[in-house]
Amino acid sequence: MRYVIDIYGVLVPALLLWIIVAYVLSAILRRLMQRFDLYRLVWHRALFDFAVFVCLLGGVVYLSEYLP
């Protein structure tokens, strides 16, 4: 696991970057769920959104192992 990412000479904590990527992905997913009215199938919307964010963050961190 990378702890620091070098972006043009600026060292950025890797977790911060992965959180931003997961947030963008969850925002896109929330828009899609609203558009297709899939939230009517969810019991508690805020908990569901948080769970999806955590799952996406885990997936992004796992997939970051395969980045060059």
PDB file of N, CA and C in Angstrom:
ATOM      1  N   MET A   1       0.836  -1.177   0.000  1.00  0.00           N
ATOM      2  CA  MET A   1       0.000   0.000   0.000  1.00  0.00           C
ATOM      3  C   MET A   1       0.874   1.230   0.000  1.00  0.00           C
ATOM      4  N   ARG A   2       0.527   2.159  -0.834  1.00  0.00           N
ATOM      5  CA  ARG A   2       1.243   3.421  -0.882  1.00  0.00           C
ATOM      6  C   ARG A   2       0.700   4.345   0.205  1.00  0.00           C
ATOM      7  N   TYR A   3       1.621   5.041   0.849  1.00  0.00           N
ATOM      8  CA  TYR A   3       1.200   5.971   1.888  1.00  0.00           C
ATOM      9  C   TYR A   3       1.250   7.409   1.405  1.00  0.00           C
ATOM     10  N   VAL A   4       2.095   7.661   0.415  1.00  0.00           N
ATOM     11  CA  VAL A   4       2.256   9.008  -0.118  1.00  0.00           C
ATOM     12  C   VAL A   4       2.345   8.908  -1.634  1.00  0.00           C
ATOM     13  N   ILE A   5       1.693   9.849  -2.311  1.00  0.00           N
ATOM     14  CA  ILE A   5       1.741   9.900  -3.768  1.00  0.00           C
ATOM     15  C   ILE A   5       2.387  11.209  -4.173  1.00  0.00           C
ATOM     16  N   ASP A   6       3.308  11.117  -5.105  1.00  0.00           N
ATOM     17  CA  ASP A   6       4.018  12.296  -5.597  1.00  0.00           C
ATOM     18  C   ASP A   6       3.279  12.833  -6.825  1.00  0.00           C
ATOM     19  N   ILE A   7       2.672  14.032  -6.678  1.00  0.00           N
ATOM     20  CA  ILE A   7       1.990  14.669  -7.797  1.00  0.00           C
ATOM     21  C   ILE A   7       2.765  15.915  -8.163  1.00  0.00           C
ATOM     22  N   TYR A   8       3.568  15.823  -9.195  1.00  0.00           N
ATOM     23  CA  TYR A   8       4.392  16.938  -9.672  1.00  0.00           C
ATOM     24  C   TYR A   8       5.212  17.553  -8.545  1.00  0.00           C
ATOM     25  N   GLY A   9       5.807  16.738  -7.715  1.00  0.00           N
ATOM     26  CA  GLY A   9       6.666  17.204  -6.641  1.00  0.00           C
ATOM     27  C   GLY A   9       5.959  17.476  -5.334  1.00  0.00           C
ATOM     28  N   VAL A  10       4.646  17.420  -5.327  1.00  0.00           N
ATOM     29  CA  VAL A  10       3.885  17.640  -4.097  1.00  0.00           C
ATOM     30  C   VAL A  10       3.490  16.283  -3.541  1.00  0.00           C
ATOM     31  N   LEU A  11       3.883  16.023  -2.301  1.00  0.00           N
ATOM     32  CA  LEU A  11       3.562  14.741  -1.681  1.00  0.00           C
ATOM     33  C   LEU A  11       2.186  14.833  -1.029  1.00  0.00           C
ATOM     34  N   VAL A  12       1.293  13.968  -1.472  1.00  0.00           N
ATOM     35  CA  VAL A  12      -0.094  13.965  -1.009  1.00  0.00           C
ATOM     36  C   VAL A  12      -0.357  12.622  -0.345  1.00  0.00           C
ATOM     37  N   PRO A  13      -1.005  12.619   0.823  1.00  0.00           N
ATOM     38  CA  PRO A  13      -1.347  11.326   1.435  1.00  0.00           C
ATOM     39  C   PRO A  13      -2.259  10.526   0.497  1.00  0.00           C
ATOM     40  N   ALA A  14      -1.924   9.284   0.311  1.00  0.00           N
ATOM     41  CA  ALA A  14      -2.671   8.460  -0.633  1.00  0.00           C
ATOM     42  C   ALA A  14      -4.126   8.288  -0.207  1.00  0.00           C
ATOM     43  N   LEU A  15      -4.361   8.176   1.086  1.00  0.00           N
ATOM     44  CA  LEU A  15      -5.737   7.976   1.551  1.00  0.00           C
ATOM     45  C   LEU A  15      -6.619   9.172   1.197  1.00  0.00           C
ATOM     46  N   LEU A  16      -6.076  10.372   1.235  1.00  0.00           N
ATOM     47  CA  LEU A  16      -6.844  11.560   0.854  1.00  0.00           C
ATOM     48  C   LEU A  16      -7.280  11.467  -0.604  1.00  0.00           C
ATOM     49  N   LEU A  17      -6.365  11.053  -1.447  1.00  0.00           N
ATOM     50  CA  LEU A  17      -6.701  10.909  -2.867  1.00  0.00           C
ATOM     51  C   LEU A  17      -7.749   9.823  -3.084  1.00  0.00           C
ATOM     52  N   TRP A  18      -7.632   8.715  -2.369  1.00  0.00           N
ATOM     53  CA  TRP A  18      -8.603   7.611  -2.529  1.00  0.00           C
ATOM     54  C   TRP A  18      -9.965   8.015  -1.990  1.00  0.00           C
ATOM     55  N   ILE A  19      -9.987   8.834  -0.934  1.00  0.00           N
ATOM     56  CA  ILE A  19     -11.278   9.309  -0.410  1.00  0.00           C
ATOM     57  C   ILE A  19     -11.966  10.206  -1.436  1.00  0.00           C
ATOM     58  N   ILE A  20     -11.206  11.054  -2.103  1.00  0.00           N
ATOM     59  CA  ILE A  20     -11.801  11.934  -3.118  1.00  0.00           C
ATOM     60  C   ILE A  20     -12.349  11.117  -4.271  1.00  0.00           C
ATOM     61  N   VAL A  21     -11.605  10.113  -4.707  1.00  0.00           N
ATOM     62  CA  VAL A  21     -12.069   9.258  -5.809  1.00  0.00           C
ATOM     63  C   VAL A  21     -13.340   8.512  -5.400  1.00  0.00           C
ATOM     64  N   ALA A  22     -13.365   7.966  -4.187  1.00  0.00           N
ATOM     65  CA  ALA A  22     -14.554   7.241  -3.721  1.00  0.00           C
ATOM     66  C   ALA A  22     -15.748   8.173  -3.579  1.00  0.00           C
ATOM     67  N   TYR A  23     -15.521   9.413  -3.154  1.00  0.00           N
ATOM     68  CA  TYR A  23     -16.619  10.374  -3.030  1.00  0.00           C
ATOM     69  C   TYR A  23     -17.217  10.710  -4.389  1.00  0.00           C
ATOM     70  N   VAL A  24     -16.361  10.910  -5.375  1.00  0.00           N
ATOM     71  CA  VAL A  24     -16.863  11.210  -6.722  1.00  0.00           C
ATOM     72  C   VAL A  24     -17.670  10.032  -7.265  1.00  0.00           C
ATOM     73  N   LEU A  25     -17.157   8.825  -7.065  1.00  0.00           N
ATOM     74  CA  LEU A  25     -17.890   7.642  -7.525  1.00  0.00           C
ATOM     75  C   LEU A  25     -19.227   7.497  -6.803  1.00  0.00           C
ATOM     76  N   SER A  26     -19.241   7.763  -5.495  1.00  0.00           N
ATOM     77  CA  SER A  26     -20.504   7.645  -4.760  1.00  0.00           C
ATOM     78  C   SER A  26     -21.482   8.734  -5.167  1.00  0.00           C
ATOM     79  N   ALA A  27     -20.984   9.924  -5.511  1.00  0.00           N
ATOM     80  CA  ALA A  27     -21.873  10.993  -5.983  1.00  0.00           C
ATOM     81  C   ALA A  27     -22.526  10.600  -7.300  1.00  0.00           C
ATOM     82  N   ILE A  28     -21.749  10.004  -8.189  1.00  0.00           N
ATOM     83  CA  ILE A  28     -22.315   9.536  -9.464  1.00  0.00           C
ATOM     84  C   ILE A  28     -23.353   8.452  -9.216  1.00  0.00           C
ATOM     85  N   LEU A  29     -23.040   7.537  -8.315  1.00  0.00           N
ATOM     86  CA  LEU A  29     -23.982   6.455  -8.007  1.00  0.00           C
ATOM     87  C   LEU A  29     -25.264   6.994  -7.367  1.00  0.00           C
ATOM     88  N   ARG A  30     -25.130   8.011  -6.485  1.00  0.00           N
ATOM     89  CA  ARG A  30     -26.325   8.614  -5.878  1.00  0.00           C
ATOM     90  C   ARG A  30     -27.218   9.264  -6.928  1.00  0.00           C
ATOM     91  N   ARG A  31     -26.594   9.951  -7.883  1.00  0.00           N
ATOM     92  CA  ARG A  31     -27.380  10.573  -8.959  1.00  0.00           C
ATOM     93  C   ARG A  31     -28.130   9.524  -9.769  1.00  0.00           C
ATOM     94  N   LEU A  32     -27.454   8.434 -10.062  1.00  0.00           N
ATOM     95  CA  LEU A  32     -28.106   7.366 -10.839  1.00  0.00           C
ATOM     96  C   LEU A  32     -29.266   6.757 -10.056  1.00  0.00           C
ATOM     97  N   MET A  33     -29.064   6.567  -8.748  1.00  0.00           N
ATOM     98  CA  MET A  33     -30.135   5.976  -7.941  1.00  0.00           C
ATOM     99  C   MET A  33     -31.332   6.918  -7.821  1.00  0.00           C
ATOM    100  N   GLN A  34     -31.058   8.221  -7.747  1.00  0.00           N
ATOM    101  CA  GLN A  34     -32.160   9.182  -7.714  1.00  0.00           C
ATOM    102  C   GLN A  34     -32.888   9.218  -9.047  1.00  0.00           C
ATOM    103  N   ARG A  35     -32.137   9.179 -10.105  1.00  0.00           N
ATOM    104  CA  ARG A  35     -32.735   9.273 -11.444  1.00  0.00           C
ATOM    105  C   ARG A  35     -33.671   8.100 -11.727  1.00  0.00           C
ATOM    106  N   PHE A  36     -33.258   6.905 -11.296  1.00  0.00           N
ATOM    107  CA  PHE A  36     -34.067   5.711 -11.548  1.00  0.00           C
ATOM    108  C   PHE A  36     -34.961   5.339 -10.366  1.00  0.00           C
ATOM    109  N   ASP A  37     -35.035   6.231  -9.378  1.00  0.00           N
ATOM    110  CA  ASP A  37     -35.918   6.073  -8.217  1.00  0.00           C
ATOM    111  C   ASP A  37     -35.674   4.747  -7.472  1.00  0.00           C
ATOM    112  N   LEU A  38     -34.408   4.420  -7.288  1.00  0.00           N
ATOM    113  CA  LEU A  38     -34.049   3.182  -6.589  1.00  0.00           C
ATOM    114  C   LEU A  38     -33.985   3.363  -5.073  1.00  0.00           C
ATOM    115  N   TYR A  39     -34.043   4.612  -4.621  1.00  0.00           N
ATOM    116  CA  TYR A  39     -34.016   4.840  -3.172  1.00  0.00           C
ATOM    117  C   TYR A  39     -35.305   4.364  -2.503  1.00  0.00           C
ATOM    118  N   ARG A  40     -36.338   4.133  -3.260  1.00  0.00           N
ATOM    119  CA  ARG A  40     -37.568   3.631  -2.654  1.00  0.00           C
ATOM    120  C   ARG A  40     -37.376   2.196  -2.144  1.00  0.00           C
ATOM    121  N   LEU A  41     -36.331   1.518  -2.573  1.00  0.00           N
ATOM    122  CA  LEU A  41     -36.027   0.157  -2.127  1.00  0.00           C
ATOM    123  C   LEU A  41     -35.124   0.130  -0.897  1.00  0.00           C
ATOM    124  N   VAL A  42     -34.661   1.314  -0.460  1.00  0.00           N
ATOM    125  CA  VAL A  42     -33.705   1.416   0.637  1.00  0.00           C
ATOM    126  C   VAL A  42     -34.438   1.848   1.892  1.00  0.00           C
ATOM    127  N   TRP A  43     -34.108   1.203   3.018  1.00  0.00           N
ATOM    128  CA  TRP A  43     -34.790   1.516   4.270  1.00  0.00           C
ATOM    129  C   TRP A  43     -34.345   2.854   4.829  1.00  0.00           C
ATOM    130  N   HIS A  44     -33.027   3.062   4.945  1.00  0.00           N
ATOM    131  CA  HIS A  44     -32.483   4.300   5.517  1.00  0.00           C
ATOM    132  C   HIS A  44     -31.461   4.853   4.527  1.00  0.00           C
ATOM    133  N   ARG A  45     -31.829   5.946   3.894  1.00  0.00           N
ATOM    134  CA  ARG A  45     -31.011   6.457   2.791  1.00  0.00           C
ATOM    135  C   ARG A  45     -29.616   6.880   3.238  1.00  0.00           C
ATOM    136  N   ALA A  46     -29.492   7.568   4.363  1.00  0.00           N
ATOM    137  CA  ALA A  46     -28.181   8.050   4.809  1.00  0.00           C
ATOM    138  C   ALA A  46     -27.243   6.889   5.146  1.00  0.00           C
ATOM    139  N   LEU A  47     -27.771   5.884   5.831  1.00  0.00           N
ATOM    140  CA  LEU A  47     -26.941   4.719   6.149  1.00  0.00           C
ATOM    141  C   LEU A  47     -26.521   3.979   4.895  1.00  0.00           C
ATOM    142  N   PHE A  48     -27.440   3.887   3.951  1.00  0.00           N
ATOM    143  CA  PHE A  48     -27.122   3.215   2.692  1.00  0.00           C
ATOM    144  C   PHE A  48     -26.029   3.965   1.942  1.00  0.00           C
ATOM    145  N   ASP A  49     -26.146   5.295   1.879  1.00  0.00           N
ATOM    146  CA  ASP A  49     -25.126   6.086   1.190  1.00  0.00           C
ATOM    147  C   ASP A  49     -23.772   5.945   1.865  1.00  0.00           C
ATOM    148  N   PHE A  50     -23.757   5.945   3.195  1.00  0.00           N
ATOM    149  CA  PHE A  50     -22.488   5.786   3.912  1.00  0.00           C
ATOM    150  C   PHE A  50     -21.884   4.394   3.658  1.00  0.00           C
ATOM    151  N   ALA A  51     -22.727   3.382   3.670  1.00  0.00           N
ATOM    152  CA  ALA A  51     -22.235   2.019   3.415  1.00  0.00           C
ATOM    153  C   ALA A  51     -21.676   1.890   2.002  1.00  0.00           C
ATOM    154  N   VAL A  52     -22.343   2.502   1.052  1.00  0.00           N
ATOM    155  CA  VAL A  52     -21.841   2.464  -0.329  1.00  0.00           C
ATOM    156  C   VAL A  52     -20.510   3.192  -0.424  1.00  0.00           C
ATOM    157  N   PHE A  53     -20.384   4.323   0.274  1.00  0.00           N
ATOM    158  CA  PHE A  53     -19.119   5.063   0.258  1.00  0.00           C
ATOM    159  C   PHE A  53     -17.989   4.221   0.846  1.00  0.00           C
ATOM    160  N   VAL A  54     -18.249   3.560   1.963  1.00  0.00           N
ATOM    161  CA  VAL A  54     -17.213   2.734   2.591  1.00  0.00           C
ATOM    162  C   VAL A  54     -16.820   1.575   1.672  1.00  0.00           C
ATOM    163  N   CYS A  55     -17.799   0.963   1.027  1.00  0.00           N
ATOM    164  CA  CYS A  55     -17.497  -0.125   0.101  1.00  0.00           C
ATOM    165  C   CYS A  55     -16.678   0.373  -1.088  1.00  0.00           C
ATOM    166  N   LEU A  56     -17.054   1.537  -1.618  1.00  0.00           N
ATOM    167  CA  LEU A  56     -16.297   2.101  -2.739  1.00  0.00           C
ATOM    168  C   LEU A  56     -14.877   2.461  -2.322  1.00  0.00           C
ATOM    169  N   LEU A  57     -14.724   3.019  -1.108  1.00  0.00           N
ATOM    170  CA  LEU A  57     -13.392   3.363  -0.620  1.00  0.00           C
ATOM    171  C   LEU A  57     -12.532   2.108  -0.471  1.00  0.00           C
ATOM    172  N   GLY A  58     -13.103   1.055   0.053  1.00  0.00           N
ATOM    173  CA  GLY A  58     -12.364  -0.204   0.161  1.00  0.00           C
ATOM    174  C   GLY A  58     -11.955  -0.741  -1.201  1.00  0.00           C
ATOM    175  N   GLY A  59     -12.867  -0.644  -2.153  1.00  0.00           N
ATOM    176  CA  GLY A  59     -12.552  -1.114  -3.501  1.00  0.00           C
ATOM    177  C   GLY A  59     -11.475  -0.275  -4.163  1.00  0.00           C
ATOM    178  N   VAL A  60     -11.532   1.028  -3.976  1.00  0.00           N
ATOM    179  CA  VAL A  60     -10.524   1.911  -4.571  1.00  0.00           C
ATOM    180  C   VAL A  60      -9.160   1.652  -3.950  1.00  0.00           C
ATOM    181  N   VAL A  61      -9.120   1.490  -2.639  1.00  0.00           N
ATOM    182  CA  VAL A  61      -7.839   1.215  -1.976  1.00  0.00           C
ATOM    183  C   VAL A  61      -7.299  -0.140  -2.427  1.00  0.00           C
ATOM    184  N   TYR A  62      -8.169  -1.125  -2.559  1.00  0.00           N
ATOM    185  CA  TYR A  62      -7.723  -2.451  -3.007  1.00  0.00           C
ATOM    186  C   TYR A  62      -7.177  -2.375  -4.434  1.00  0.00           C
ATOM    187  N   LEU A  63      -7.893  -1.653  -5.316  1.00  0.00           N
ATOM    188  CA  LEU A  63      -7.442  -1.560  -6.701  1.00  0.00           C
ATOM    189  C   LEU A  63      -6.196  -0.698  -6.852  1.00  0.00           C
ATOM    190  N   SER A  64      -5.924   0.159  -5.868  1.00  0.00           N
ATOM    191  CA  SER A  64      -4.725   0.997  -5.962  1.00  0.00           C
ATOM    192  C   SER A  64      -3.447   0.176  -5.870  1.00  0.00           C
ATOM    193  N   GLU A  65      -3.549  -1.025  -5.355  1.00  0.00           N
ATOM    194  CA  GLU A  65      -2.372  -1.889  -5.284  1.00  0.00           C
ATOM    195  C   GLU A  65      -1.863  -2.254  -6.676  1.00  0.00           C
ATOM    196  N   TYR A  66      -2.739  -2.187  -7.660  1.00  0.00           N
ATOM    197  CA  TYR A  66      -2.371  -2.614  -9.007  1.00  0.00           C
ATOM    198  C   TYR A  66      -1.965  -1.460  -9.905  1.00  0.00           C
ATOM    199  N   LEU A  67      -1.954  -0.230  -9.347  1.00  0.00           N
ATOM    200  CA  LEU A  67      -1.502   0.913 -10.139  1.00  0.00           C
ATOM    201  C   LEU A  67       0.010   0.872 -10.267  1.00  0.00           C
ATOM    202  N   PRO A  68       0.534   1.329 -11.402  1.00  0.00           N
ATOM    203  CA  PRO A  68       2.010   1.318 -11.554  1.00  0.00           C
ATOM    204  C   PRO A  68       2.690   2.345 -10.687  1.00  0.00           C
TER     205      PRO A  68
END
